Amino acid sequence: MFDKKNLKIFLIWPISVLLATFFRLYGLLKPESLLINNYLVLLLVFGPALVVTIILVFNKILKVESN
């Protein structure tokens, strides 16, 4: 009924929901320990995407110059 690819998705989804629920409850119980700067959130969200974009652009530029 399920192939192995779908089985991985069905295993990852409940684990991520449990982790999110745990952090949500922990944040409700101890809010002072989870103070996060807004700039840090922006950096964590957009930083990896910016690095990957720069790598892809440099990779494409180097491939065009080598041909």
PDB file of N, CA and C in Angstrom:
ATOM      1  N   MET A   1       0.812  -1.188   0.000  1.00  0.00           N
ATOM      2  CA  MET A   1       0.000   0.000   0.000  1.00  0.00           C
ATOM      3  C   MET A   1       0.865   1.266   0.000  1.00  0.00           C
ATOM      4  N   PHE A   2       1.905   1.313   0.824  1.00  0.00           N
ATOM      5  CA  PHE A   2       2.807   2.461   0.853  1.00  0.00           C
ATOM      6  C   PHE A   2       4.164   2.041   0.321  1.00  0.00           C
ATOM      7  N   ASP A   3       4.745   2.874  -0.525  1.00  0.00           N
ATOM      8  CA  ASP A   3       6.120   2.606  -0.914  1.00  0.00           C
ATOM      9  C   ASP A   3       7.059   3.268   0.093  1.00  0.00           C
ATOM     10  N   LYS A   4       8.346   3.002  -0.050  1.00  0.00           N
ATOM     11  CA  LYS A   4       9.307   3.448   0.968  1.00  0.00           C
ATOM     12  C   LYS A   4       9.420   4.973   1.035  1.00  0.00           C
ATOM     13  N   LYS A   5       9.245   5.649  -0.088  1.00  0.00           N
ATOM     14  CA  LYS A   5       9.351   7.098  -0.078  1.00  0.00           C
ATOM     15  C   LYS A   5       8.222   7.715   0.762  1.00  0.00           C
ATOM     16  N   ASN A   6       7.012   7.229   0.577  1.00  0.00           N
ATOM     17  CA  ASN A   6       5.894   7.753   1.361  1.00  0.00           C
ATOM     18  C   ASN A   6       6.031   7.379   2.830  1.00  0.00           C
ATOM     19  N   LEU A   7       6.608   6.234   3.109  1.00  0.00           N
ATOM     20  CA  LEU A   7       6.785   5.808   4.495  1.00  0.00           C
ATOM     21  C   LEU A   7       7.725   6.753   5.236  1.00  0.00           C
ATOM     22  N   LYS A   8       8.770   7.242   4.563  1.00  0.00           N
ATOM     23  CA  LYS A   8       9.675   8.211   5.187  1.00  0.00           C
ATOM     24  C   LYS A   8       8.933   9.495   5.537  1.00  0.00           C
ATOM     25  N   ILE A   9       8.068   9.933   4.629  1.00  0.00           N
ATOM     26  CA  ILE A   9       7.314  11.165   4.880  1.00  0.00           C
ATOM     27  C   ILE A   9       6.367  10.970   6.056  1.00  0.00           C
ATOM     28  N   PHE A  10       5.731   9.802   6.114  1.00  0.00           N
ATOM     29  CA  PHE A  10       4.803   9.548   7.217  1.00  0.00           C
ATOM     30  C   PHE A  10       5.530   9.383   8.547  1.00  0.00           C
ATOM     31  N   LEU A  11       6.810   9.072   8.540  1.00  0.00           N
ATOM     32  CA  LEU A  11       7.575   8.991   9.787  1.00  0.00           C
ATOM     33  C   LEU A  11       8.117  10.349  10.207  1.00  0.00           C
ATOM     34  N   ILE A  12       8.506  11.175   9.247  1.00  0.00           N
ATOM     35  CA  ILE A  12       9.081  12.481   9.560  1.00  0.00           C
ATOM     36  C   ILE A  12       8.007  13.445  10.056  1.00  0.00           C
ATOM     37  N   TRP A  13       6.826  13.396   9.481  1.00  0.00           N
ATOM     38  CA  TRP A  13       5.768  14.337   9.825  1.00  0.00           C
ATOM     39  C   TRP A  13       5.370  14.272  11.297  1.00  0.00           C
ATOM     40  N   PRO A  14       5.090  13.090  11.871  1.00  0.00           N
ATOM     41  CA  PRO A  14       4.724  13.080  13.295  1.00  0.00           C
ATOM     42  C   PRO A  14       5.865  13.513  14.223  1.00  0.00           C
ATOM     43  N   ILE A  15       7.097  13.192  13.847  1.00  0.00           N
ATOM     44  CA  ILE A  15       8.232  13.603  14.671  1.00  0.00           C
ATOM     45  C   ILE A  15       8.345  15.123  14.690  1.00  0.00           C
ATOM     46  N   SER A  16       8.170  15.772  13.542  1.00  0.00           N
ATOM     47  CA  SER A  16       8.255  17.234  13.503  1.00  0.00           C
ATOM     48  C   SER A  16       7.112  17.879  14.267  1.00  0.00           C
ATOM     49  N   VAL A  17       5.919  17.269  14.212  1.00  0.00           N
ATOM     50  CA  VAL A  17       4.798  17.817  14.974  1.00  0.00           C
ATOM     51  C   VAL A  17       5.055  17.676  16.476  1.00  0.00           C
ATOM     52  N   LEU A  18       5.598  16.540  16.895  1.00  0.00           N
ATOM     53  CA  LEU A  18       5.911  16.353  18.315  1.00  0.00           C
ATOM     54  C   LEU A  18       6.969  17.344  18.788  1.00  0.00           C
ATOM     55  N   LEU A  19       8.008  17.566  17.986  1.00  0.00           N
ATOM     56  CA  LEU A  19       9.037  18.541  18.365  1.00  0.00           C
ATOM     57  C   LEU A  19       8.468  19.954  18.455  1.00  0.00           C
ATOM     58  N   ALA A  20       7.633  20.320  17.488  1.00  0.00           N
ATOM     59  CA  ALA A  20       7.021  21.649  17.518  1.00  0.00           C
ATOM     60  C   ALA A  20       6.130  21.812  18.737  1.00  0.00           C
ATOM     61  N   THR A  21       5.375  20.774  19.076  1.00  0.00           N
ATOM     62  CA  THR A  21       4.515  20.828  20.254  1.00  0.00           C
ATOM     63  C   THR A  21       5.337  20.938  21.534  1.00  0.00           C
ATOM     64  N   PHE A  22       6.434  20.189  21.595  1.00  0.00           N
ATOM     65  CA  PHE A  22       7.307  20.264  22.771  1.00  0.00           C
ATOM     66  C   PHE A  22       7.868  21.667  22.957  1.00  0.00           C
ATOM     67  N   PHE A  23       8.377  22.268  21.872  1.00  0.00           N
ATOM     68  CA  PHE A  23       8.935  23.609  21.997  1.00  0.00           C
ATOM     69  C   PHE A  23       7.854  24.640  22.305  1.00  0.00           C
ATOM     70  N   ARG A  24       6.655  24.409  21.796  1.00  0.00           N
ATOM     71  CA  ARG A  24       5.552  25.318  22.106  1.00  0.00           C
ATOM     72  C   ARG A  24       5.221  25.270  23.598  1.00  0.00           C
ATOM     73  N   LEU A  25       5.115  24.072  24.141  1.00  0.00           N
ATOM     74  CA  LEU A  25       4.815  23.938  25.571  1.00  0.00           C
ATOM     75  C   LEU A  25       5.955  24.468  26.436  1.00  0.00           C
ATOM     76  N   TYR A  26       7.185  24.205  26.028  1.00  0.00           N
ATOM     77  CA  TYR A  26       8.340  24.715  26.771  1.00  0.00           C
ATOM     78  C   TYR A  26       8.348  26.242  26.760  1.00  0.00           C
ATOM     79  N   GLY A  27       7.999  26.838  25.637  1.00  0.00           N
ATOM     80  CA  GLY A  27       7.940  28.294  25.536  1.00  0.00           C
ATOM     81  C   GLY A  27       6.840  28.882  26.390  1.00  0.00           C
ATOM     82  N   LEU A  28       5.728  28.145  26.545  1.00  0.00           N
ATOM     83  CA  LEU A  28       4.658  28.640  27.401  1.00  0.00           C
ATOM     84  C   LEU A  28       5.032  28.545  28.874  1.00  0.00           C
ATOM     85  N   LEU A  29       5.786  27.517  29.240  1.00  0.00           N
ATOM     86  CA  LEU A  29       6.159  27.335  30.637  1.00  0.00           C
ATOM     87  C   LEU A  29       7.313  28.238  31.062  1.00  0.00           C
ATOM     88  N   LYS A  30       8.268  28.443  30.179  1.00  0.00           N
ATOM     89  CA  LYS A  30       9.452  29.259  30.509  1.00  0.00           C
ATOM     90  C   LYS A  30       9.699  30.289  29.411  1.00  0.00           C
ATOM     91  N   PRO A  31       8.898  31.329  29.349  1.00  0.00           N
ATOM     92  CA  PRO A  31       9.053  32.295  28.246  1.00  0.00           C
ATOM     93  C   PRO A  31      10.320  33.143  28.341  1.00  0.00           C
ATOM     94  N   GLU A  32      10.885  33.305  29.548  1.00  0.00           N
ATOM     95  CA  GLU A  32      12.064  34.167  29.672  1.00  0.00           C
ATOM     96  C   GLU A  32      13.317  33.542  29.080  1.00  0.00           C
ATOM     97  N   SER A  33      13.344  32.232  28.884  1.00  0.00           N
ATOM     98  CA  SER A  33      14.548  31.588  28.365  1.00  0.00           C
ATOM     99  C   SER A  33      14.568  31.551  26.847  1.00  0.00           C
ATOM    100  N   LEU A  34      13.486  31.968  26.195  1.00  0.00           N
ATOM    101  CA  LEU A  34      13.422  31.895  24.735  1.00  0.00           C
ATOM    102  C   LEU A  34      13.338  33.271  24.088  1.00  0.00           C
ATOM    103  N   LEU A  35      14.004  34.260  24.664  1.00  0.00           N
ATOM    104  CA  LEU A  35      14.003  35.581  24.061  1.00  0.00           C
ATOM    105  C   LEU A  35      14.919  35.582  22.845  1.00  0.00           C
ATOM    106  N   ILE A  36      14.365  35.906  21.692  1.00  0.00           N
ATOM    107  CA  ILE A  36      15.117  35.877  20.439  1.00  0.00           C
ATOM    108  C   ILE A  36      14.983  37.246  19.779  1.00  0.00           C
ATOM    109  N   ASN A  37      16.088  37.762  19.332  1.00  0.00           N
ATOM    110  CA  ASN A  37      16.117  39.029  18.636  1.00  0.00           C
ATOM    111  C   ASN A  37      15.502  38.859  17.241  1.00  0.00           C
ATOM    112  N   ASN A  38      14.760  39.869  16.777  1.00  0.00           N
ATOM    113  CA  ASN A  38      14.134  39.778  15.450  1.00  0.00           C
ATOM    114  C   ASN A  38      15.176  39.689  14.341  1.00  0.00           C
ATOM    115  N   TYR A  39      16.299  40.344  14.507  1.00  0.00           N
ATOM    116  CA  TYR A  39      17.346  40.278  13.491  1.00  0.00           C
ATOM    117  C   TYR A  39      17.952  38.877  13.414  1.00  0.00           C
ATOM    118  N   LEU A  40      18.024  38.199  14.540  1.00  0.00           N
ATOM    119  CA  LEU A  40      18.512  36.830  14.542  1.00  0.00           C
ATOM    120  C   LEU A  40      17.561  35.911  13.788  1.00  0.00           C
ATOM    121  N   VAL A  41      16.273  36.122  13.948  1.00  0.00           N
ATOM    122  CA  VAL A  41      15.287  35.324  13.214  1.00  0.00           C
ATOM    123  C   VAL A  41      15.422  35.565  11.719  1.00  0.00           C
ATOM    124  N   LEU A  42      15.559  36.821  11.321  1.00  0.00           N
ATOM    125  CA  LEU A  42      15.736  37.120   9.895  1.00  0.00           C
ATOM    126  C   LEU A  42      17.000  36.478   9.347  1.00  0.00           C
ATOM    127  N   LEU A  43      18.064  36.515  10.120  1.00  0.00           N
ATOM    128  CA  LEU A  43      19.318  35.906   9.693  1.00  0.00           C
ATOM    129  C   LEU A  43      19.183  34.403   9.550  1.00  0.00           C
ATOM    130  N   LEU A  44      18.514  33.764  10.502  1.00  0.00           N
ATOM    131  CA  LEU A  44      18.340  32.314  10.443  1.00  0.00           C
ATOM    132  C   LEU A  44      17.420  31.890   9.303  1.00  0.00           C
ATOM    133  N   VAL A  45      16.454  32.726   8.951  1.00  0.00           N
ATOM    134  CA  VAL A  45      15.517  32.376   7.881  1.00  0.00           C
ATOM    135  C   VAL A  45      16.132  32.642   6.512  1.00  0.00           C
ATOM    136  N   PHE A  46      16.685  33.831   6.313  1.00  0.00           N
ATOM    137  CA  PHE A  46      17.142  34.219   4.990  1.00  0.00           C
ATOM    138  C   PHE A  46      18.623  33.975   4.745  1.00  0.00           C
ATOM    139  N   GLY A  47      19.398  33.725   5.785  1.00  0.00           N
ATOM    140  CA  GLY A  47      20.835  33.506   5.619  1.00  0.00           C
ATOM    141  C   GLY A  47      21.177  32.295   4.766  1.00  0.00           C
ATOM    142  N   PRO A  48      20.644  31.110   5.079  1.00  0.00           N
ATOM    143  CA  PRO A  48      20.967  29.936   4.263  1.00  0.00           C
ATOM    144  C   PRO A  48      20.519  30.083   2.809  1.00  0.00           C
ATOM    145  N   ALA A  49      19.355  30.702   2.584  1.00  0.00           N
ATOM    146  CA  ALA A  49      18.879  30.892   1.211  1.00  0.00           C
ATOM    147  C   ALA A  49      19.812  31.831   0.446  1.00  0.00           C
ATOM    148  N   LEU A  50      20.319  32.843   1.117  1.00  0.00           N
ATOM    149  CA  LEU A  50      21.245  33.774   0.469  1.00  0.00           C
ATOM    150  C   LEU A  50      22.557  33.088   0.124  1.00  0.00           C
ATOM    151  N   VAL A  51      23.066  32.274   1.021  1.00  0.00           N
ATOM    152  CA  VAL A  51      24.316  31.552   0.760  1.00  0.00           C
ATOM    153  C   VAL A  51      24.142  30.578  -0.408  1.00  0.00           C
ATOM    154  N   VAL A  52      23.044  29.851  -0.442  1.00  0.00           N
ATOM    155  CA  VAL A  52      22.802  28.908  -1.541  1.00  0.00           C
ATOM    156  C   VAL A  52      22.660  29.655  -2.858  1.00  0.00           C
ATOM    157  N   THR A  53      21.984  30.788  -2.848  1.00  0.00           N
ATOM    158  CA  THR A  53      21.836  31.583  -4.070  1.00  0.00           C
ATOM    159  C   THR A  53      23.187  32.073  -4.570  1.00  0.00           C
ATOM    160  N   ILE A  54      24.038  32.543  -3.679  1.00  0.00           N
ATOM    161  CA  ILE A  54      25.366  33.006  -4.081  1.00  0.00           C
ATOM    162  C   ILE A  54      26.171  31.862  -4.668  1.00  0.00           C
ATOM    163  N   ILE A  55      26.115  30.692  -4.056  1.00  0.00           N
ATOM    164  CA  ILE A  55      26.855  29.533  -4.569  1.00  0.00           C
ATOM    165  C   ILE A  55      26.352  29.144  -5.950  1.00  0.00           C
ATOM    166  N   LEU A  56      25.039  29.133  -6.155  1.00  0.00           N
ATOM    167  CA  LEU A  56      24.492  28.771  -7.470  1.00  0.00           C
ATOM    168  C   LEU A  56      24.878  29.782  -8.542  1.00  0.00           C
ATOM    169  N   VAL A  57      24.871  31.071  -8.190  1.00  0.00           N
ATOM    170  CA  VAL A  57      25.247  32.103  -9.162  1.00  0.00           C
ATOM    171  C   VAL A  57      26.721  31.973  -9.529  1.00  0.00           C
ATOM    172  N   PHE A  58      27.585  31.790  -8.538  1.00  0.00           N
ATOM    173  CA  PHE A  58      29.010  31.630  -8.834  1.00  0.00           C
ATOM    174  C   PHE A  58      29.267  30.365  -9.640  1.00  0.00           C
ATOM    175  N   ASN A  59      28.552  29.300  -9.330  1.00  0.00           N
ATOM    176  CA  ASN A  59      28.709  28.053 -10.070  1.00  0.00           C
ATOM    177  C   ASN A  59      28.307  28.242 -11.528  1.00  0.00           C
ATOM    178  N   LYS A  60      27.209  28.963 -11.764  1.00  0.00           N
ATOM    179  CA  LYS A  60      26.762  29.206 -13.143  1.00  0.00           C
ATOM    180  C   LYS A  60      27.740  30.111 -13.878  1.00  0.00           C
ATOM    181  N   ILE A  61      28.274  31.124 -13.204  1.00  0.00           N
ATOM    182  CA  ILE A  61      29.233  32.028 -13.848  1.00  0.00           C
ATOM    183  C   ILE A  61      30.504  31.261 -14.225  1.00  0.00           C
ATOM    184  N   LEU A  62      30.985  30.414 -13.338  1.00  0.00           N
ATOM    185  CA  LEU A  62      32.212  29.668 -13.624  1.00  0.00           C
ATOM    186  C   LEU A  62      32.002  28.651 -14.751  1.00  0.00           C
ATOM    187  N   LYS A  63      30.829  28.066 -14.858  1.00  0.00           N
ATOM    188  CA  LYS A  63      30.553  27.125 -15.947  1.00  0.00           C
ATOM    189  C   LYS A  63      30.468  27.850 -17.272  1.00  0.00           C
ATOM    190  N   VAL A  64      29.899  29.052 -17.309  1.00  0.00           N
ATOM    191  CA  VAL A  64      29.795  29.799 -18.557  1.00  0.00           C
ATOM    192  C   VAL A  64      31.176  30.223 -19.029  1.00  0.00           C
ATOM    193  N   GLU A  65      32.041  30.643 -18.118  1.00  0.00           N
ATOM    194  CA  GLU A  65      33.379  31.091 -18.506  1.00  0.00           C
ATOM    195  C   GLU A  65      34.251  29.936 -18.963  1.00  0.00           C
ATOM    196  N   SER A  66      34.046  28.722 -18.433  1.00  0.00           N
ATOM    197  CA  SER A  66      34.898  27.612 -18.811  1.00  0.00           C
ATOM    198  C   SER A  66      34.531  27.043 -20.178  1.00  0.00           C
ATOM    199  N   ASN A  67      33.310  27.326 -20.688  1.00  0.00           N
ATOM    200  CA  ASN A  67      32.906  26.830 -22.014  1.00  0.00           C
ATOM    201  C   ASN A  67      33.369  27.760 -23.031  1.00  0.00           C
TER     202      ASN A  67
END
